[in-house]
Amino acid sequence: MKIAVIGTGYVGLVSGTCFAETGNTVTCVDIDENKISKLRSGQLTIYEPGLEKLFLRNQKEGRLHFTTSLVDGIKDAQIIILALPTPPGEDGSADLKYILGVASDLGKLIEPEDYKVIIDKSTVPVGTADKVRTAIFKSATKDISNSFDVVSNPEFLREGVAVDDFMKPDRVVIGTNSEKAIKVLNELYAPF
């Protein structure tokens, strides 16, 4: 499968690398040009035991790519993973501006004939999938009502053992009403 991971922080980089390890073609997207430059040159931007070996192998084997272009990153991707920061807002609630900003950008880029599953992987409150869906529809310039589903798929990664947590999960939580999205995610998670 072709996967786009938006955000190359802890969750995005571990998720992207591990999905590449199971044979998927993954493109990680980030607006930080310096970070993307380092990743392209084979330098990890975080430390996590066991990650470097997988990162270098999958990059060498052509399954793991990095770009600053959202257009290039999501091209032909069946799955788009939102792994963006959700810092606490002034009232302590999760600030969704990065996720909703990317969702708005996606609305302009999704083509009606290309079905995509958009996954909220970031730590977000209940109801975020509806907000992401609304932001996508609001900015869409074409009828994309049957072109995507938004799914909640939270991560359960612990620092220091994140690669093991990802590769050998004790649970995978998928929140959706879409049978089509469930089929795609069952295929994605089958190796685990």
N, C-alpha and C. Protein backbone atom coordinates (compact mmCIF):
# COMPACT_ATOMS: atom_id res chain seq x y z
N MET A 1 0.85 -1.19 0.00
CA MET A 1 0.00 0.00 0.00
C MET A 1 0.88 1.24 0.00
N LYS A 2 0.34 2.31 -0.52
CA LYS A 2 1.03 3.60 -0.46
C LYS A 2 0.43 4.42 0.67
N ILE A 3 1.31 4.92 1.52
CA ILE A 3 0.90 5.64 2.72
C ILE A 3 1.61 6.98 2.77
N ALA A 4 0.88 8.00 3.16
CA ALA A 4 1.47 9.31 3.45
C ALA A 4 1.33 9.54 4.94
N VAL A 5 2.42 9.94 5.59
CA VAL A 5 2.39 10.28 7.01
C VAL A 5 2.69 11.76 7.11
N ILE A 6 1.73 12.52 7.61
CA ILE A 6 1.89 13.96 7.72
C ILE A 6 2.36 14.27 9.14
N GLY A 7 3.61 14.72 9.23
CA GLY A 7 4.24 15.00 10.52
C GLY A 7 5.33 13.98 10.78
N THR A 8 6.55 14.46 11.06
CA THR A 8 7.67 13.54 11.29
C THR A 8 8.22 13.66 12.70
N GLY A 9 7.32 13.90 13.63
CA GLY A 9 7.73 13.88 15.03
C GLY A 9 7.82 12.43 15.49
N TYR A 10 7.72 12.23 16.77
CA TYR A 10 7.88 10.91 17.36
C TYR A 10 6.90 9.89 16.76
N VAL A 11 5.62 10.20 16.80
CA VAL A 11 4.60 9.27 16.31
C VAL A 11 4.73 9.07 14.80
N GLY A 12 4.89 10.15 14.06
CA GLY A 12 4.95 10.06 12.61
C GLY A 12 6.14 9.27 12.11
N LEU A 13 7.31 9.54 12.68
CA LEU A 13 8.52 8.87 12.22
C LEU A 13 8.53 7.38 12.58
N VAL A 14 8.11 7.05 13.79
CA VAL A 14 8.03 5.64 14.19
C VAL A 14 6.97 4.92 13.34
N SER A 15 5.80 5.51 13.20
CA SER A 15 4.73 4.88 12.43
C SER A 15 5.13 4.69 10.97
N GLY A 16 5.66 5.74 10.36
CA GLY A 16 6.06 5.65 8.96
C GLY A 16 7.12 4.59 8.72
N THR A 17 8.13 4.57 9.58
CA THR A 17 9.21 3.59 9.44
C THR A 17 8.69 2.17 9.63
N CYS A 18 7.86 1.96 10.62
CA CYS A 18 7.35 0.61 10.89
C CYS A 18 6.38 0.14 9.80
N PHE A 19 5.56 1.04 9.27
CA PHE A 19 4.70 0.64 8.15
C PHE A 19 5.53 0.31 6.92
N ALA A 20 6.64 1.01 6.70
CA ALA A 20 7.54 0.68 5.59
C ALA A 20 8.16 -0.70 5.82
N GLU A 21 8.48 -1.00 7.06
CA GLU A 21 9.10 -2.29 7.39
C GLU A 21 8.19 -3.47 7.02
N THR A 22 6.89 -3.26 7.00
CA THR A 22 5.97 -4.35 6.63
C THR A 22 5.66 -4.36 5.14
N GLY A 23 6.46 -3.62 4.35
CA GLY A 23 6.35 -3.70 2.90
C GLY A 23 5.58 -2.59 2.22
N ASN A 24 5.09 -1.63 2.97
CA ASN A 24 4.37 -0.51 2.37
C ASN A 24 5.35 0.53 1.85
N THR A 25 4.91 1.33 0.89
CA THR A 25 5.68 2.48 0.42
C THR A 25 5.17 3.70 1.18
N VAL A 26 6.05 4.33 1.94
CA VAL A 26 5.65 5.41 2.84
C VAL A 26 6.38 6.70 2.47
N THR A 27 5.61 7.77 2.38
CA THR A 27 6.19 9.10 2.21
C THR A 27 5.81 9.93 3.42
N CYS A 28 6.81 10.41 4.14
CA CYS A 28 6.59 11.25 5.31
C CYS A 28 6.71 12.71 4.88
N VAL A 29 5.77 13.52 5.32
CA VAL A 29 5.69 14.92 4.93
C VAL A 29 5.84 15.80 6.17
N ASP A 30 6.65 16.84 6.05
CA ASP A 30 6.80 17.80 7.14
C ASP A 30 7.14 19.16 6.54
N ILE A 31 6.72 20.24 7.20
CA ILE A 31 7.02 21.58 6.68
C ILE A 31 8.42 22.05 7.08
N ASP A 32 9.08 21.33 7.99
CA ASP A 32 10.41 21.70 8.45
C ASP A 32 11.46 21.19 7.45
N GLU A 33 11.94 22.10 6.60
CA GLU A 33 12.88 21.72 5.55
C GLU A 33 14.18 21.15 6.11
N ASN A 34 14.66 21.70 7.21
CA ASN A 34 15.89 21.21 7.83
C ASN A 34 15.73 19.75 8.29
N LYS A 35 14.61 19.46 8.93
CA LYS A 35 14.33 18.10 9.40
C LYS A 35 14.25 17.13 8.22
N ILE A 36 13.54 17.52 7.18
CA ILE A 36 13.39 16.66 6.00
C ILE A 36 14.74 16.43 5.33
N SER A 37 15.57 17.45 5.28
CA SER A 37 16.91 17.32 4.70
C SER A 37 17.74 16.29 5.47
N LYS A 38 17.68 16.36 6.81
CA LYS A 38 18.41 15.39 7.64
C LYS A 38 17.88 13.97 7.41
N LEU A 39 16.57 13.82 7.39
CA LEU A 39 15.97 12.50 7.22
C LEU A 39 16.34 11.91 5.85
N ARG A 40 16.29 12.74 4.82
CA ARG A 40 16.67 12.27 3.47
C ARG A 40 18.12 11.79 3.44
N SER A 41 18.98 12.45 4.23
CA SER A 41 20.40 12.08 4.22
C SER A 41 20.70 10.92 5.18
N GLY A 42 19.67 10.33 5.76
CA GLY A 42 19.86 9.16 6.62
C GLY A 42 20.09 9.46 8.08
N GLN A 43 19.80 10.70 8.50
CA GLN A 43 19.98 11.07 9.92
C GLN A 43 18.62 11.08 10.61
N LEU A 44 18.48 10.29 11.66
CA LEU A 44 17.26 10.34 12.45
C LEU A 44 17.19 11.64 13.23
N THR A 45 16.00 12.16 13.41
CA THR A 45 15.82 13.41 14.16
C THR A 45 15.29 13.15 15.56
N ILE A 46 15.08 11.89 15.90
CA ILE A 46 14.71 11.48 17.26
C ILE A 46 15.54 10.26 17.61
N TYR A 47 15.62 9.95 18.89
CA TYR A 47 16.26 8.70 19.28
C TYR A 47 15.21 7.76 19.81
N GLU A 48 15.20 6.57 19.27
CA GLU A 48 14.33 5.51 19.75
C GLU A 48 15.05 4.20 19.49
N PRO A 49 15.28 3.38 20.53
CA PRO A 49 15.99 2.12 20.34
C PRO A 49 15.37 1.26 19.23
N GLY A 50 16.21 0.78 18.32
CA GLY A 50 15.77 -0.10 17.24
C GLY A 50 15.25 0.61 16.01
N LEU A 51 15.04 1.91 16.09
CA LEU A 51 14.46 2.64 14.96
C LEU A 51 15.46 2.86 13.83
N GLU A 52 16.71 3.16 14.17
CA GLU A 52 17.69 3.51 13.14
C GLU A 52 17.90 2.38 12.13
N LYS A 53 17.99 1.17 12.61
CA LYS A 53 18.20 0.03 11.72
C LYS A 53 17.05 -0.10 10.71
N LEU A 54 15.81 0.00 11.19
CA LEU A 54 14.64 -0.09 10.31
C LEU A 54 14.58 1.11 9.36
N PHE A 55 14.87 2.28 9.89
CA PHE A 55 14.86 3.53 9.12
C PHE A 55 15.83 3.43 7.94
N LEU A 56 17.07 3.06 8.22
CA LEU A 56 18.10 2.99 7.17
C LEU A 56 17.78 1.89 6.16
N ARG A 57 17.32 0.73 6.63
CA ARG A 57 17.01 -0.37 5.72
C ARG A 57 15.88 0.02 4.76
N ASN A 58 14.83 0.60 5.29
CA ASN A 58 13.67 0.93 4.45
C ASN A 58 13.94 2.10 3.52
N GLN A 59 14.80 3.00 3.95
CA GLN A 59 15.20 4.09 3.07
C GLN A 59 16.05 3.52 1.92
N LYS A 60 16.98 2.65 2.25
CA LYS A 60 17.86 2.04 1.24
C LYS A 60 17.05 1.20 0.25
N GLU A 61 16.04 0.50 0.74
CA GLU A 61 15.23 -0.37 -0.12
C GLU A 61 14.12 0.38 -0.86
N GLY A 62 14.06 1.71 -0.69
CA GLY A 62 13.14 2.54 -1.46
C GLY A 62 11.70 2.51 -1.00
N ARG A 63 11.48 2.14 0.25
CA ARG A 63 10.11 2.13 0.78
C ARG A 63 9.81 3.33 1.68
N LEU A 64 10.82 4.10 2.03
CA LEU A 64 10.64 5.21 2.97
C LEU A 64 11.20 6.49 2.35
N HIS A 65 10.33 7.47 2.16
CA HIS A 65 10.69 8.72 1.48
C HIS A 65 10.27 9.92 2.34
N PHE A 66 10.87 11.07 2.04
CA PHE A 66 10.59 12.29 2.81
C PHE A 66 10.43 13.48 1.87
N THR A 67 9.47 14.35 2.18
CA THR A 67 9.24 15.53 1.37
C THR A 67 8.62 16.65 2.21
N THR A 68 8.75 17.87 1.72
CA THR A 68 8.06 19.00 2.34
C THR A 68 6.78 19.34 1.56
N SER A 69 6.53 18.63 0.47
CA SER A 69 5.38 18.90 -0.39
C SER A 69 4.21 17.99 -0.06
N LEU A 70 3.13 18.57 0.42
CA LEU A 70 1.93 17.80 0.71
C LEU A 70 1.38 17.18 -0.58
N VAL A 71 1.42 17.93 -1.66
CA VAL A 71 0.94 17.43 -2.96
C VAL A 71 1.69 16.15 -3.35
N ASP A 72 3.03 16.21 -3.29
CA ASP A 72 3.84 15.03 -3.64
C ASP A 72 3.65 13.91 -2.63
N GLY A 73 3.52 14.26 -1.37
CA GLY A 73 3.41 13.26 -0.31
C GLY A 73 2.16 12.41 -0.41
N ILE A 74 1.04 13.02 -0.78
CA ILE A 74 -0.22 12.26 -0.82
C ILE A 74 -0.53 11.68 -2.19
N LYS A 75 0.30 12.00 -3.18
CA LYS A 75 0.06 11.51 -4.54
C LYS A 75 0.01 9.97 -4.51
N ASP A 76 -1.08 9.43 -4.99
CA ASP A 76 -1.31 7.98 -5.08
C ASP A 76 -1.42 7.28 -3.72
N ALA A 77 -1.40 8.02 -2.62
CA ALA A 77 -1.52 7.38 -1.30
C ALA A 77 -2.95 6.90 -1.07
N GLN A 78 -3.08 5.67 -0.61
CA GLN A 78 -4.39 5.14 -0.24
C GLN A 78 -4.75 5.54 1.18
N ILE A 79 -3.71 5.73 1.98
CA ILE A 79 -3.89 6.07 3.39
C ILE A 79 -3.09 7.33 3.69
N ILE A 80 -3.72 8.27 4.40
CA ILE A 80 -3.04 9.48 4.86
C ILE A 80 -3.14 9.50 6.38
N ILE A 81 -1.99 9.46 7.03
CA ILE A 81 -1.95 9.44 8.49
C ILE A 81 -1.61 10.85 9.00
N LEU A 82 -2.47 11.38 9.85
CA LEU A 82 -2.23 12.69 10.47
C LEU A 82 -1.53 12.45 11.80
N ALA A 83 -0.24 12.74 11.83
CA ALA A 83 0.57 12.56 13.05
C ALA A 83 1.16 13.91 13.41
N LEU A 84 0.28 14.83 13.68
CA LEU A 84 0.65 16.23 13.92
C LEU A 84 0.57 16.58 15.39
N PRO A 85 1.31 17.62 15.78
CA PRO A 85 1.26 18.01 17.20
C PRO A 85 -0.11 18.54 17.59
N THR A 86 -0.48 18.25 18.84
CA THR A 86 -1.72 18.76 19.42
C THR A 86 -1.38 19.36 20.79
N PRO A 87 -0.64 20.47 20.77
CA PRO A 87 -0.23 21.06 22.05
C PRO A 87 -1.44 21.53 22.85
N PRO A 88 -1.30 21.61 24.17
CA PRO A 88 -2.43 22.08 24.97
C PRO A 88 -2.71 23.55 24.68
N GLY A 89 -3.97 23.87 24.50
CA GLY A 89 -4.38 25.25 24.31
C GLY A 89 -4.37 26.00 25.64
N GLU A 90 -4.79 27.24 25.61
CA GLU A 90 -4.81 28.07 26.82
C GLU A 90 -5.67 27.47 27.92
N ASP A 91 -6.75 26.77 27.53
CA ASP A 91 -7.64 26.17 28.52
C ASP A 91 -7.27 24.72 28.86
N GLY A 92 -6.13 24.25 28.29
CA GLY A 92 -5.68 22.89 28.58
C GLY A 92 -6.17 21.85 27.59
N SER A 93 -7.11 22.22 26.74
CA SER A 93 -7.61 21.26 25.74
C SER A 93 -6.62 21.16 24.58
N ALA A 94 -6.73 20.10 23.80
CA ALA A 94 -5.83 19.90 22.66
C ALA A 94 -6.08 20.96 21.60
N ASP A 95 -5.01 21.58 21.15
CA ASP A 95 -5.09 22.59 20.09
C ASP A 95 -5.04 21.83 18.75
N LEU A 96 -6.12 21.89 18.00
CA LEU A 96 -6.24 21.12 16.76
C LEU A 96 -5.86 21.92 15.52
N LYS A 97 -5.22 23.09 15.69
CA LYS A 97 -4.98 23.95 14.52
C LYS A 97 -4.11 23.28 13.45
N TYR A 98 -3.14 22.48 13.84
CA TYR A 98 -2.28 21.83 12.83
C TYR A 98 -3.06 20.76 12.08
N ILE A 99 -3.82 19.97 12.79
CA ILE A 99 -4.60 18.91 12.17
C ILE A 99 -5.66 19.50 11.25
N LEU A 100 -6.38 20.50 11.73
CA LEU A 100 -7.44 21.10 10.92
C LEU A 100 -6.87 21.89 9.75
N GLY A 101 -5.68 22.45 9.93
CA GLY A 101 -5.01 23.15 8.83
C GLY A 101 -4.67 22.20 7.70
N VAL A 102 -4.10 21.05 8.05
CA VAL A 102 -3.78 20.04 7.03
C VAL A 102 -5.06 19.49 6.42
N ALA A 103 -6.09 19.27 7.22
CA ALA A 103 -7.37 18.78 6.71
C ALA A 103 -7.92 19.74 5.66
N SER A 104 -7.83 21.02 5.94
CA SER A 104 -8.28 22.03 4.98
C SER A 104 -7.47 21.95 3.69
N ASP A 105 -6.16 21.77 3.80
CA ASP A 105 -5.31 21.61 2.60
C ASP A 105 -5.69 20.35 1.82
N LEU A 106 -6.00 19.27 2.53
CA LEU A 106 -6.37 18.02 1.87
C LEU A 106 -7.65 18.17 1.06
N GLY A 107 -8.57 18.96 1.56
CA GLY A 107 -9.83 19.18 0.84
C GLY A 107 -9.61 19.72 -0.56
N LYS A 108 -8.59 20.51 -0.73
CA LYS A 108 -8.28 21.09 -2.05
C LYS A 108 -7.54 20.10 -2.94
N LEU A 109 -6.97 19.04 -2.35
CA LEU A 109 -6.10 18.13 -3.11
C LEU A 109 -6.72 16.77 -3.43
N ILE A 110 -7.70 16.34 -2.65
CA ILE A 110 -8.30 15.02 -2.87
C ILE A 110 -9.11 15.07 -4.17
N GLU A 111 -8.87 14.07 -4.99
CA GLU A 111 -9.60 13.95 -6.26
C GLU A 111 -10.79 13.02 -6.09
N PRO A 112 -11.91 13.33 -6.75
CA PRO A 112 -13.12 12.51 -6.58
C PRO A 112 -12.93 11.03 -6.90
N GLU A 113 -12.06 10.71 -7.84
CA GLU A 113 -11.89 9.31 -8.26
C GLU A 113 -10.92 8.52 -7.40
N ASP A 114 -10.24 9.17 -6.46
CA ASP A 114 -9.23 8.51 -5.62
C ASP A 114 -9.71 8.38 -4.19
N TYR A 115 -10.11 7.17 -3.78
CA TYR A 115 -10.56 6.95 -2.41
C TYR A 115 -9.35 6.92 -1.47
N LYS A 116 -9.45 7.66 -0.36
CA LYS A 116 -8.38 7.71 0.63
C LYS A 116 -8.97 7.53 2.03
N VAL A 117 -8.20 6.83 2.87
CA VAL A 117 -8.55 6.72 4.28
C VAL A 117 -7.63 7.68 5.02
N ILE A 118 -8.22 8.62 5.73
CA ILE A 118 -7.46 9.61 6.48
C ILE A 118 -7.54 9.23 7.95
N ILE A 119 -6.37 9.00 8.54
CA ILE A 119 -6.30 8.48 9.90
C ILE A 119 -5.83 9.55 10.88
N ASP A 120 -6.63 9.78 11.92
CA ASP A 120 -6.19 10.61 13.06
C ASP A 120 -5.33 9.71 13.94
N LYS A 121 -4.02 9.91 13.94
CA LYS A 121 -3.10 9.14 14.77
C LYS A 121 -2.66 9.98 15.97
N SER A 122 -2.80 11.29 15.85
CA SER A 122 -2.42 12.20 16.93
C SER A 122 -3.34 12.00 18.13
N THR A 123 -2.89 12.46 19.27
CA THR A 123 -3.72 12.42 20.47
C THR A 123 -4.75 13.53 20.38
N VAL A 124 -6.00 13.14 20.16
CA VAL A 124 -7.06 14.12 19.92
C VAL A 124 -8.31 13.75 20.73
N PRO A 125 -9.14 14.75 21.03
CA PRO A 125 -10.37 14.45 21.77
C PRO A 125 -11.43 13.80 20.88
N VAL A 126 -12.41 13.19 21.54
CA VAL A 126 -13.56 12.60 20.85
C VAL A 126 -14.21 13.69 19.99
N GLY A 127 -14.58 13.33 18.78
CA GLY A 127 -15.24 14.28 17.88
C GLY A 127 -14.30 14.90 16.87
N THR A 128 -13.01 14.64 16.99
CA THR A 128 -12.04 15.24 16.06
C THR A 128 -12.24 14.75 14.64
N ALA A 129 -12.58 13.49 14.46
CA ALA A 129 -12.80 12.96 13.10
C ALA A 129 -13.88 13.76 12.38
N ASP A 130 -14.94 14.13 13.10
CA ASP A 130 -16.00 14.94 12.49
C ASP A 130 -15.48 16.32 12.11
N LYS A 131 -14.63 16.89 12.96
CA LYS A 131 -14.05 18.20 12.65
C LYS A 131 -13.12 18.13 11.45
N VAL A 132 -12.35 17.06 11.36
CA VAL A 132 -11.45 16.87 10.21
C VAL A 132 -12.28 16.71 8.94
N ARG A 133 -13.31 15.90 8.98
CA ARG A 133 -14.19 15.69 7.83
C ARG A 133 -14.80 17.02 7.38
N THR A 134 -15.29 17.80 8.33
CA THR A 134 -15.89 19.09 8.01
C THR A 134 -14.88 20.04 7.37
N ALA A 135 -13.67 20.08 7.92
CA ALA A 135 -12.63 20.96 7.36
C ALA A 135 -12.27 20.55 5.93
N ILE A 136 -12.24 19.25 5.67
CA ILE A 136 -11.95 18.77 4.31
C ILE A 136 -13.07 19.19 3.36
N PHE A 137 -14.30 18.94 3.73
CA PHE A 137 -15.44 19.31 2.88
C PHE A 137 -15.51 20.82 2.63
N LYS A 138 -15.23 21.58 3.68
CA LYS A 138 -15.33 23.04 3.59
C LYS A 138 -14.39 23.62 2.54
N SER A 139 -13.22 23.04 2.39
CA SER A 139 -12.24 23.59 1.45
C SER A 139 -12.23 22.88 0.10
N ALA A 140 -13.02 21.82 -0.03
CA ALA A 140 -13.04 21.06 -1.29
C ALA A 140 -13.59 21.90 -2.42
N THR A 141 -12.98 21.76 -3.59
CA THR A 141 -13.44 22.48 -4.77
C THR A 141 -14.22 21.57 -5.71
N LYS A 142 -14.30 20.28 -5.36
CA LYS A 142 -15.01 19.29 -6.17
C LYS A 142 -15.88 18.45 -5.24
N ASP A 143 -16.76 17.65 -5.82
CA ASP A 143 -17.58 16.75 -5.00
C ASP A 143 -16.74 15.54 -4.62
N ILE A 144 -16.30 15.52 -3.37
CA ILE A 144 -15.46 14.41 -2.89
C ILE A 144 -16.18 13.62 -1.79
N SER A 145 -17.51 13.69 -1.80
CA SER A 145 -18.28 13.07 -0.72
C SER A 145 -18.06 11.56 -0.60
N ASN A 146 -17.68 10.87 -1.69
CA ASN A 146 -17.43 9.43 -1.63
C ASN A 146 -15.95 9.10 -1.80
N SER A 147 -15.09 10.11 -1.64
CA SER A 147 -13.67 9.95 -1.95
C SER A 147 -12.79 9.70 -0.75
N PHE A 148 -13.34 9.78 0.46
CA PHE A 148 -12.50 9.59 1.64
C PHE A 148 -13.35 9.23 2.86
N ASP A 149 -12.68 8.63 3.81
CA ASP A 149 -13.24 8.40 5.14
C ASP A 149 -12.21 8.86 6.15
N VAL A 150 -12.67 9.41 7.25
CA VAL A 150 -11.79 9.80 8.35
C VAL A 150 -11.96 8.77 9.46
N VAL A 151 -10.83 8.24 9.92
CA VAL A 151 -10.83 7.16 10.89
C VAL A 151 -9.98 7.56 12.10
N SER A 152 -10.43 7.17 13.26
CA SER A 152 -9.62 7.35 14.46
C SER A 152 -8.82 6.07 14.68
N ASN A 153 -7.51 6.22 14.85
CA ASN A 153 -6.62 5.06 15.06
C ASN A 153 -5.48 5.52 15.98
N PRO A 154 -5.80 5.68 17.27
CA PRO A 154 -4.80 6.21 18.20
C PRO A 154 -3.60 5.29 18.36
N GLU A 155 -2.48 5.90 18.70
CA GLU A 155 -1.25 5.14 18.92
C GLU A 155 -1.06 4.88 20.41
N PHE A 156 -0.37 3.80 20.70
CA PHE A 156 -0.07 3.43 22.08
C PHE A 156 1.43 3.15 22.19
N LEU A 157 2.23 4.15 21.87
CA LEU A 157 3.68 3.99 21.85
C LEU A 157 4.30 4.54 23.12
N ARG A 158 5.19 3.75 23.71
CA ARG A 158 5.92 4.20 24.89
C ARG A 158 7.35 4.50 24.47
N GLU A 159 7.84 5.65 24.90
CA GLU A 159 9.23 6.01 24.57
C GLU A 159 10.16 4.94 25.12
N GLY A 160 11.14 4.59 24.31
CA GLY A 160 12.11 3.57 24.70
C GLY A 160 11.77 2.18 24.20
N VAL A 161 10.49 1.94 23.94
CA VAL A 161 10.07 0.64 23.39
C VAL A 161 9.02 0.84 22.28
N ALA A 162 9.04 2.00 21.65
CA ALA A 162 8.03 2.34 20.65
C ALA A 162 8.04 1.41 19.45
N VAL A 163 9.23 1.01 18.99
CA VAL A 163 9.31 0.12 17.83
C VAL A 163 8.66 -1.22 18.18
N ASP A 164 8.98 -1.78 19.34
CA ASP A 164 8.36 -3.04 19.76
C ASP A 164 6.85 -2.86 19.96
N ASP A 165 6.44 -1.74 20.57
CA ASP A 165 5.02 -1.48 20.76
C ASP A 165 4.29 -1.45 19.42
N PHE A 166 4.93 -0.83 18.42
CA PHE A 166 4.29 -0.71 17.11
C PHE A 166 4.27 -2.05 16.38
N MET A 167 5.38 -2.75 16.38
CA MET A 167 5.50 -3.99 15.61
C MET A 167 4.78 -5.17 16.26
N LYS A 168 4.58 -5.09 17.58
CA LYS A 168 3.89 -6.17 18.31
C LYS A 168 2.82 -5.56 19.22
N PRO A 169 1.81 -4.95 18.62
CA PRO A 169 0.81 -4.26 19.45
C PRO A 169 -0.05 -5.24 20.25
N ASP A 170 -0.38 -4.85 21.47
CA ASP A 170 -1.30 -5.69 22.23
C ASP A 170 -2.74 -5.34 21.88
N ARG A 171 -2.92 -4.22 21.17
CA ARG A 171 -4.25 -3.83 20.69
C ARG A 171 -4.09 -2.82 19.55
N VAL A 172 -5.04 -2.82 18.65
CA VAL A 172 -5.15 -1.81 17.60
C VAL A 172 -6.58 -1.32 17.65
N VAL A 173 -6.76 -0.03 17.89
CA VAL A 173 -8.09 0.55 17.99
C VAL A 173 -8.40 1.30 16.70
N ILE A 174 -9.54 0.97 16.10
CA ILE A 174 -9.98 1.63 14.88
C ILE A 174 -11.40 2.12 15.11
N GLY A 175 -11.60 3.41 14.93
CA GLY A 175 -12.92 3.99 15.10
C GLY A 175 -13.46 4.51 13.78
N THR A 176 -14.48 3.83 13.25
CA THR A 176 -15.11 4.25 12.00
C THR A 176 -16.45 3.55 11.83
N ASN A 177 -17.30 4.13 11.00
CA ASN A 177 -18.56 3.49 10.62
C ASN A 177 -18.47 2.94 9.20
N SER A 178 -17.35 3.15 8.54
CA SER A 178 -17.19 2.81 7.13
C SER A 178 -16.63 1.40 6.95
N GLU A 179 -17.40 0.53 6.30
CA GLU A 179 -16.93 -0.82 6.00
C GLU A 179 -15.74 -0.78 5.04
N LYS A 180 -15.78 0.19 4.12
CA LYS A 180 -14.70 0.35 3.14
C LYS A 180 -13.39 0.68 3.85
N ALA A 181 -13.45 1.59 4.82
CA ALA A 181 -12.25 1.97 5.58
C ALA A 181 -11.76 0.81 6.44
N ILE A 182 -12.68 0.06 7.04
CA ILE A 182 -12.29 -1.09 7.85
C ILE A 182 -11.53 -2.11 7.01
N LYS A 183 -12.00 -2.34 5.79
CA LYS A 183 -11.33 -3.29 4.90
C LYS A 183 -9.89 -2.84 4.63
N VAL A 184 -9.70 -1.55 4.35
CA VAL A 184 -8.36 -1.01 4.08
C VAL A 184 -7.47 -1.16 5.31
N LEU A 185 -7.99 -0.82 6.48
CA LEU A 185 -7.19 -0.89 7.70
C LEU A 185 -6.91 -2.33 8.13
N ASN A 186 -7.84 -3.24 7.88
CA ASN A 186 -7.56 -4.65 8.15
C ASN A 186 -6.38 -5.13 7.31
N GLU A 187 -6.33 -4.69 6.06
CA GLU A 187 -5.20 -5.05 5.19
C GLU A 187 -3.91 -4.41 5.70
N LEU A 188 -3.98 -3.15 6.10
CA LEU A 188 -2.81 -2.44 6.60
C LEU A 188 -2.23 -3.12 7.84
N TYR A 189 -3.11 -3.52 8.76
CA TYR A 189 -2.64 -4.09 10.03
C TYR A 189 -2.49 -5.61 10.01
N ALA A 190 -2.79 -6.26 8.89
CA ALA A 190 -2.68 -7.73 8.82
C ALA A 190 -1.31 -8.26 9.24
N PRO A 191 -0.18 -7.62 8.86
CA PRO A 191 1.12 -8.16 9.26
C PRO A 191 1.37 -8.15 10.77
N PHE A 192 0.59 -7.39 11.52
CA PHE A 192 0.81 -7.28 12.95
C PHE A 192 0.02 -8.31 13.72
